[in-house]
Protein backbone atom coordinates (compact mmCIF):
# COMPACT_ATOMS: atom_id res chain seq x y z
CA MET A 1 -13.25 27.45 -4.24
CA ARG A 2 -10.59 26.64 -1.66
CA LYS A 3 -12.24 23.35 -1.20
CA ARG A 4 -11.96 22.45 -4.74
CA ARG A 5 -8.29 23.25 -4.88
CA GLU A 6 -7.60 21.04 -1.70
CA LEU A 7 -9.71 18.20 -3.45
CA ALA A 8 -7.72 18.53 -6.67
CA ASP A 9 -4.40 18.64 -4.70
CA ARG A 10 -5.40 15.48 -2.98
CA ASN A 11 -6.45 13.63 -6.05
CA SER A 12 -3.05 14.24 -7.68
CA VAL A 13 -1.47 12.03 -4.93
CA THR A 14 -1.33 8.31 -5.13
CA LEU A 15 -0.38 5.55 -2.77
CA ARG A 16 2.67 3.49 -3.97
CA ASN A 17 3.67 0.27 -2.08
CA HIS A 18 6.43 -2.21 -2.27
CA VAL A 19 4.31 -5.23 -0.73
CA LYS A 20 5.04 -7.42 -3.87
CA GLN A 21 8.82 -7.11 -3.61
CA HIS A 22 8.96 -7.70 0.00
CA ARG A 23 6.62 -10.61 -0.10
CA ALA A 24 8.92 -12.24 -2.83
CA ARG A 25 11.82 -11.43 -0.59
CA LEU A 26 10.33 -13.65 2.30
CA ASP A 27 9.23 -16.18 -0.18
CA LEU A 28 5.54 -15.85 0.78
CA THR A 29 2.56 -16.53 -1.56
CA GLN A 30 -0.17 -13.99 -1.71
CA GLU A 31 -2.22 -16.55 -0.15
CA GLU A 32 0.31 -17.01 2.80
CA LEU A 33 0.46 -13.20 3.40
CA ALA A 34 -3.24 -12.93 3.32
CA GLU A 35 -3.82 -15.67 5.84
CA LYS A 36 -1.07 -14.02 8.23
CA VAL A 37 -3.03 -10.44 8.06
CA GLY A 38 -6.44 -11.87 7.93
CA VAL A 39 -7.57 -11.00 4.70
CA ARG A 40 -8.40 -12.60 1.14
CA ARG A 41 -5.78 -13.21 -1.57
CA GLN A 42 -7.59 -10.90 -3.74
CA THR A 43 -7.11 -8.26 -1.42
CA ILE A 44 -3.34 -8.62 -1.42
CA LEU A 45 -3.45 -8.76 -5.23
CA ALA A 46 -5.49 -5.57 -5.31
CA VAL A 47 -2.98 -3.83 -2.81
CA GLU A 48 -0.08 -5.07 -4.88
CA LYS A 49 -1.46 -3.67 -8.09
CA GLY A 50 -2.31 -0.27 -6.46
CA HIS A 51 -6.10 -0.94 -7.14
CA TYR A 52 -6.91 -0.83 -3.48
CA ALA A 53 -5.53 1.50 -0.69
CA PRO A 54 -5.35 -0.45 2.53
CA SER A 55 -6.76 0.68 5.79
CA ALA A 56 -4.30 2.01 8.33
CA LEU A 57 -4.80 -1.25 10.26
CA LEU A 58 -4.01 -3.41 7.13
CA ALA A 59 -1.07 -1.44 6.24
CA LEU A 60 0.30 -1.74 9.73
CA LEU A 61 -0.29 -5.47 9.80
CA LEU A 62 1.49 -5.89 6.30
CA ALA A 63 4.24 -3.99 7.57
CA ARG A 64 4.78 -6.04 10.71
CA GLU A 65 4.54 -9.24 8.75
CA LEU A 66 6.95 -8.09 6.20
CA GLY A 67 9.41 -6.80 8.83
CA MET A 68 9.67 -3.26 7.81
CA PRO A 69 8.31 0.23 8.85
CA VAL A 70 5.06 1.26 7.38
CA ASP A 71 6.52 4.19 5.94
CA GLU A 72 8.91 2.34 3.91
CA LEU A 73 6.35 -0.36 2.58
CA PHE A 74 3.75 2.47 1.49
CA GLU A 75 4.77 6.19 0.39
CA LEU A 76 2.79 8.96 -1.21
CA GLU A 77 3.63 10.00 -4.77
CA SER A 78 2.55 13.17 -6.29
CA GLY A 79 1.19 13.44 -9.90
CA GLU A 80 4.54 15.01 -10.82
CA GLY A 81 6.29 11.83 -9.73
CA SER A 82 8.45 13.41 -7.12
CA GLY A 83 7.96 10.69 -4.61
CA SER A 84 6.39 12.88 -1.86
C-alpha cells in the first residue's frame, strides 16, 4: 500500500521549465540551441512544451548554454500548483 501512495505522490508532480524564455532572451533558435547541446531540434521543442523531461546531463547542458543554474531553468511543480 505504501508503494502505491509513493507512486501516486510522484505522479502528481510535474517538471516545469523556462527553456523557451531563456532561449529567446539569447536570440537563439531551437536549431541553434539543439546544435550547441548535441540533440535534435525536435528534442528542444519537446522539452519546451513539457512533453519530454530531459536527462540530468541534458538539463545541465541546457542550463550551461543558457547561462543559468539548472534549478532556475527547471522546477518541480506539484499537482496543486504550489511550485514545489
